Protein backbone atom coordinates (compact mmCIF):
# COMPACT_ATOMS: atom_id res chain seq x y z
CA MET A 1 11.33 38.47 40.52
CA ASN A 2 11.30 35.83 37.78
CA ARG A 3 9.42 35.94 34.49
CA ILE A 4 6.20 34.60 36.02
CA ASP A 5 6.06 37.34 38.65
CA GLN A 6 6.97 39.98 36.07
CA ARG A 7 4.26 38.82 33.71
CA PHE A 8 1.51 38.82 36.33
CA ALA A 9 2.62 42.22 37.63
CA ALA A 10 2.35 43.62 34.10
CA LEU A 11 -1.07 42.03 33.56
CA LYS A 12 -2.35 43.42 36.87
CA ALA A 13 -1.19 46.90 35.91
CA GLN A 14 -3.06 46.55 32.62
CA GLY A 15 -6.19 45.15 34.26
CA ARG A 16 -5.94 42.00 32.14
CA ARG A 17 -6.28 38.28 32.83
CA ALA A 18 -3.58 35.73 32.14
CA LEU A 19 -4.09 33.17 29.40
CA ILE A 20 -2.08 30.01 30.10
CA PRO A 21 -2.12 27.26 27.47
CA TYR A 22 -0.90 23.73 28.10
CA ILE A 23 0.52 21.36 25.49
CA THR A 24 2.30 18.04 25.90
CA ALA A 25 5.93 18.23 24.82
CA GLY A 26 6.72 15.96 21.90
CA ASP A 27 3.13 15.59 20.70
CA PRO A 28 2.69 14.54 17.91
CA ALA A 29 6.48 14.55 17.39
CA PRO A 30 9.26 16.40 19.25
CA GLU A 31 10.46 18.50 16.32
CA HIS A 32 7.16 20.42 16.28
CA THR A 33 6.89 21.50 19.92
CA VAL A 34 8.92 24.70 19.80
CA GLY A 35 6.97 25.92 16.79
CA PHE A 36 3.74 25.26 18.67
CA MET A 37 5.04 27.26 21.63
CA HIS A 38 5.73 30.25 19.40
CA ALA A 39 2.27 29.92 17.83
CA LEU A 40 0.71 30.04 21.29
CA VAL A 41 2.60 33.22 22.10
CA SER A 42 1.48 34.77 18.80
CA ALA A 43 -2.12 33.98 19.75
CA GLY A 44 -1.83 35.72 23.11
CA ALA A 45 -0.38 33.25 25.62
CA ASP A 46 0.99 34.90 28.76
CA VAL A 47 2.54 31.76 30.27
CA ILE A 48 3.10 28.36 28.65
CA GLU A 49 2.65 25.12 30.57
CA LEU A 50 4.73 22.43 28.89
CA GLY A 51 3.63 18.93 29.83
CA VAL A 52 6.22 16.26 30.62
CA PRO A 53 5.09 13.01 28.93
CA PHE A 54 4.46 10.25 31.45
CA SER A 55 3.10 6.74 31.12
CA ASP A 56 0.56 7.09 33.95
CA PRO A 57 -0.78 10.68 33.98
CA MET A 58 -3.35 10.08 36.71
CA ALA A 59 -4.83 13.60 36.85
CA ASP A 60 -5.29 13.80 33.10
CA GLY A 61 -8.23 12.67 31.02
CA PRO A 62 -8.07 10.59 27.84
CA VAL A 63 -7.15 13.53 25.59
CA ILE A 64 -3.90 14.29 27.40
CA GLN A 65 -3.24 10.62 28.17
CA LYS A 66 -3.22 9.93 24.43
CA ALA A 67 -0.96 12.96 23.88
CA CYS A 68 1.51 11.44 26.34
CA GLU A 69 1.32 8.15 24.46
CA ARG A 70 2.06 9.87 21.14
CA ALA A 71 5.04 11.68 22.64
CA LEU A 72 6.38 8.58 24.38
CA ARG A 73 6.34 6.70 21.09
CA HIS A 74 9.12 9.12 20.15
CA HIS A 75 10.89 8.41 23.48
CA VAL A 76 10.52 12.01 24.64
CA ARG A 77 12.24 12.53 27.99
CA LEU A 78 12.97 15.45 30.32
CA SER A 79 16.29 16.03 28.56
CA HIS A 80 14.37 16.69 25.36
CA LEU A 81 12.13 19.21 27.14
CA PHE A 82 15.17 21.11 28.34
CA GLU A 83 16.43 21.22 24.76
CA MET A 84 13.04 22.51 23.59
CA VAL A 85 13.01 25.30 26.16
CA ARG A 86 16.58 26.28 25.26
CA GLU A 87 15.58 26.50 21.60
CA PHE A 88 12.46 28.51 22.48
CA ARG A 89 14.61 30.92 24.51
CA GLN A 90 16.78 31.68 21.49
CA THR A 91 14.00 33.92 20.16
CA ASP A 92 11.70 34.41 23.17
CA GLY A 93 13.32 35.57 26.38
CA GLU A 94 10.15 36.94 27.97
CA THR A 95 7.33 34.37 27.96
CA PRO A 96 7.36 32.31 31.17
CA VAL A 97 7.56 28.54 30.76
CA VAL A 98 6.28 26.13 33.42
CA LEU A 99 7.02 22.41 33.31
CA MET A 100 4.01 20.38 34.40
CA GLY A 101 4.18 16.69 35.11
CA TYR A 102 4.74 13.96 37.65
CA LEU A 103 7.46 13.19 40.16
CA ASN A 104 8.74 9.92 38.69
CA PRO A 105 10.63 11.44 35.70
CA VAL A 106 12.13 14.07 38.01
CA GLU A 107 13.36 11.48 40.49
CA ARG A 108 14.86 9.42 37.70
CA ILE A 109 17.36 12.15 36.81
CA GLY A 110 17.73 13.34 40.41
CA LEU A 111 16.16 16.33 42.12
CA GLU A 112 19.26 18.53 42.07
CA ALA A 113 20.13 17.64 38.48
CA PHE A 114 16.55 18.42 37.47
CA ALA A 115 16.64 21.83 39.18
CA ASP A 116 20.01 22.68 37.63
CA GLN A 117 19.02 21.67 34.11
CA ALA A 118 15.62 23.34 34.27
CA ALA A 119 17.13 26.64 35.39
CA GLU A 120 19.90 26.47 32.81
CA ALA A 121 17.40 25.80 30.02
CA GLY A 122 15.28 28.84 30.90
CA VAL A 123 12.36 27.24 32.76
CA ASP A 124 10.55 29.56 35.19
CA GLY A 125 8.30 27.30 37.23
CA VAL A 126 7.56 23.67 38.02
CA LEU A 127 4.21 22.04 38.78
CA ILE A 128 4.61 18.43 39.92
CA VAL A 129 1.08 17.10 40.14
CA ASP A 130 1.75 14.29 42.60
CA MET A 131 4.08 16.23 44.89
CA PRO A 132 2.01 18.11 47.49
CA PRO A 133 3.70 20.81 49.60
CA GLU A 134 3.94 18.42 52.55
CA GLU A 135 6.37 16.32 50.49
CA ALA A 136 8.27 19.18 48.82
CA ASP A 137 10.76 19.85 51.61
CA GLU A 138 13.66 18.59 49.50
CA VAL A 139 12.88 19.76 45.98
CA GLY A 140 11.27 23.07 46.97
CA PRO A 141 14.45 24.71 48.30
CA LEU A 142 16.42 23.40 45.31
CA LEU A 143 14.00 25.08 42.92
CA LYS A 144 13.80 28.30 44.93
CA ALA A 145 17.60 28.64 45.07
CA ARG A 146 17.64 28.62 41.28
CA GLY A 147 14.81 31.11 40.85
CA LEU A 148 12.24 28.49 39.86
CA ALA A 149 8.70 28.84 41.21
CA SER A 150 7.03 25.86 42.89
CA ILE A 151 3.41 25.86 41.71
CA PHE A 152 0.73 23.82 43.47
CA LEU A 153 -2.82 22.67 42.83
CA VAL A 154 -5.89 23.43 44.92
CA ALA A 155 -9.02 21.35 44.30
CA PRO A 156 -12.70 21.91 45.14
CA THR A 157 -12.35 19.20 47.80
CA THR A 158 -9.30 20.81 49.46
CA SER A 159 -9.97 21.71 53.09
CA ARG A 160 -9.48 25.30 54.22
CA ALA A 161 -6.59 24.29 56.48
CA ARG A 162 -4.79 22.44 53.73
CA ALA A 163 -5.44 25.22 51.23
CA ALA A 164 -3.69 27.58 53.64
CA THR A 165 -0.68 25.24 53.70
CA ILE A 166 -0.61 25.10 49.92
CA CYS A 167 -0.85 28.88 49.62
CA ALA A 168 1.97 29.31 52.14
CA HIS A 169 4.29 27.12 50.07
CA GLY A 170 3.15 28.20 46.61
CA GLU A 171 4.99 30.54 44.27
CA GLY A 172 4.22 32.01 40.85
CA TYR A 173 0.49 31.31 40.91
CA ILE A 174 -2.01 28.95 42.45
CA TYR A 175 -3.55 26.46 40.02
CA TYR A 176 -7.18 26.02 41.05
CA VAL A 177 -8.78 22.88 39.66
CA SER A 178 -12.28 24.02 38.77
CA LEU A 179 -14.09 20.71 39.11
CA LYS A 180 -13.88 17.19 40.46
CA GLY A 181 -12.42 14.78 37.95
CA VAL A 182 -9.68 14.76 35.34
CA THR A 183 -8.67 17.21 32.63
CA GLY A 184 -11.22 17.55 29.86
CA SER A 185 -14.09 16.78 32.23
CA ALA A 186 -17.54 18.33 32.37
CA THR A 187 -18.27 22.00 31.86
CA LEU A 188 -17.35 24.17 34.81
CA ASN A 189 -19.61 26.48 36.80
CA ALA A 190 -18.16 29.99 37.12
CA GLU A 191 -20.30 30.86 40.16
CA ASP A 192 -19.03 27.78 41.97
CA VAL A 193 -15.48 28.71 41.05
CA ALA A 194 -15.98 32.21 42.45
CA GLU A 195 -17.19 30.78 45.77
CA HIS A 196 -14.10 28.63 46.09
CA LEU A 197 -11.67 31.38 45.08
CA ALA A 198 -12.99 33.87 47.64
CA PRO A 199 -11.42 32.18 50.72
CA LEU A 200 -8.18 31.60 48.82
CA ARG A 201 -7.83 35.35 48.28
CA GLU A 202 -7.82 35.73 52.06
CA MET A 203 -4.88 33.31 52.27
CA THR A 204 -2.55 34.52 49.54
CA ASP A 205 -1.59 37.40 47.29
CA LEU A 206 -0.55 34.97 44.56
CA PRO A 207 -2.56 35.07 41.31
CA LEU A 208 -5.35 32.50 41.23
CA CYS A 209 -5.54 30.71 37.89
CA VAL A 210 -8.27 28.26 36.97
CA GLY A 211 -7.91 25.14 34.86
CA PHE A 212 -9.98 22.07 33.88
CA GLY A 213 -13.11 22.75 31.84
CA ILE A 214 -11.97 25.82 29.84
CA ARG A 215 -13.18 24.94 26.36
CA ASP A 216 -13.76 28.13 24.37
CA GLY A 217 -13.91 31.90 24.49
CA ALA A 218 -17.19 31.94 26.40
CA SER A 219 -15.96 29.71 29.23
CA ALA A 220 -12.65 31.59 29.37
CA ALA A 221 -14.46 34.92 29.66
CA GLU A 222 -16.76 33.65 32.42
CA VAL A 223 -13.86 32.37 34.50
CA GLY A 224 -11.83 35.48 33.72
CA LYS A 225 -14.44 37.53 35.59
CA VAL A 226 -13.50 35.85 38.88
CA ALA A 227 -9.93 34.55 38.38
CA ASP A 228 -6.57 36.13 37.62
CA GLY A 229 -5.93 33.71 34.81
CA VAL A 230 -7.38 30.81 32.85
CA ILE A 231 -5.55 27.62 31.93
CA VAL A 232 -6.52 25.66 28.83
CA GLY A 233 -5.17 22.25 27.92
CA SER A 234 -7.49 19.61 26.47
CA ALA A 235 -9.10 22.00 23.96
CA LEU A 236 -5.65 22.64 22.47
CA VAL A 237 -4.39 19.07 22.71
CA ASN A 238 -7.56 17.99 20.90
CA ARG A 239 -6.59 20.19 17.95
CA ILE A 240 -3.15 18.63 17.90
CA ALA A 241 -4.69 15.15 17.88
CA GLU A 242 -7.08 16.05 15.07
CA ASN A 243 -4.19 17.23 12.90
CA ALA A 244 -1.54 14.74 14.01
CA GLU A 245 -1.13 13.45 10.45
CA HIS A 246 -0.71 17.01 9.16
CA PRO A 247 1.42 18.81 11.76
CA GLU A 248 1.96 21.77 9.45
CA ALA A 249 -1.70 22.68 10.07
CA ILE A 250 -1.43 22.58 13.86
CA PRO A 251 0.00 26.07 14.57
CA ALA A 252 -2.94 27.74 12.81
CA ALA A 253 -5.40 25.46 14.63
CA LEU A 254 -3.85 26.34 18.00
CA GLU A 255 -3.87 30.03 17.19
CA ALA A 256 -7.55 29.87 16.25
CA VAL A 257 -8.58 28.29 19.58
CA LEU A 258 -6.34 30.42 21.76
CA GLY A 259 -6.97 33.59 19.80
CA GLU A 260 -10.70 33.31 20.44
CA MET A 261 -10.01 32.96 24.17
CA ARG A 262 -7.62 35.91 24.16
CA GLN A 263 -10.17 38.09 22.47
CA ALA A 264 -12.91 37.00 24.87
CA LEU A 265 -10.76 37.61 27.93
CA ASP A 266 -9.67 41.05 26.78
CA ALA A 267 -13.24 42.00 25.95
């Protein structure tokens, strides 16, 4: 049982919902990322999704696309993310860290090298947006052998048959995309989310966590009524963008946004 499984087991025992923030590594500059990660934990994060900067983040809206651009201006690469996680682990050995990104950077360093370096750094899970389970026959076993969870996306348009395939291959948690479109899109509908999660619960015992459209405490609380966890990205990355010229102000800004969500979920 890795850190992700341990964390969700503890939350279930407490009757609480997971709060999973996403930030892009290296945004606005790489030396700040680890401090941001600790700020997120202080504000109540249960799992951290750390985005791998990529030049063509097709599933992400303009907010996260621009975050990738800011990070790439500093030439942030996967090797830097591994260094960030290692530094984070020096003082936090409990909070699960999931790398979220695209297949191209992984293939550039090699699948086995990626799995080795991620495990050594202290990563707990990997979500490769453009690698569906049907194409994960090679990397999946490499990750599993090193105790790394393969996390997959389910969308509103996913057929029941394909959702069953995804659930059968998934580990850690299922990331349910709450709406059609990219990150930062329109406001979600909690009732619609509930309808889509119901059949998934018949297919898997994995926690079902909902992302895309979580903007504030109210939306987090609504989704928390029907999901096992909520994932928030653009609302946090927006705060980073707003304070990019004054990075010393960013930790407090992140804590304010995430703290409101934590309070709303726990209420």
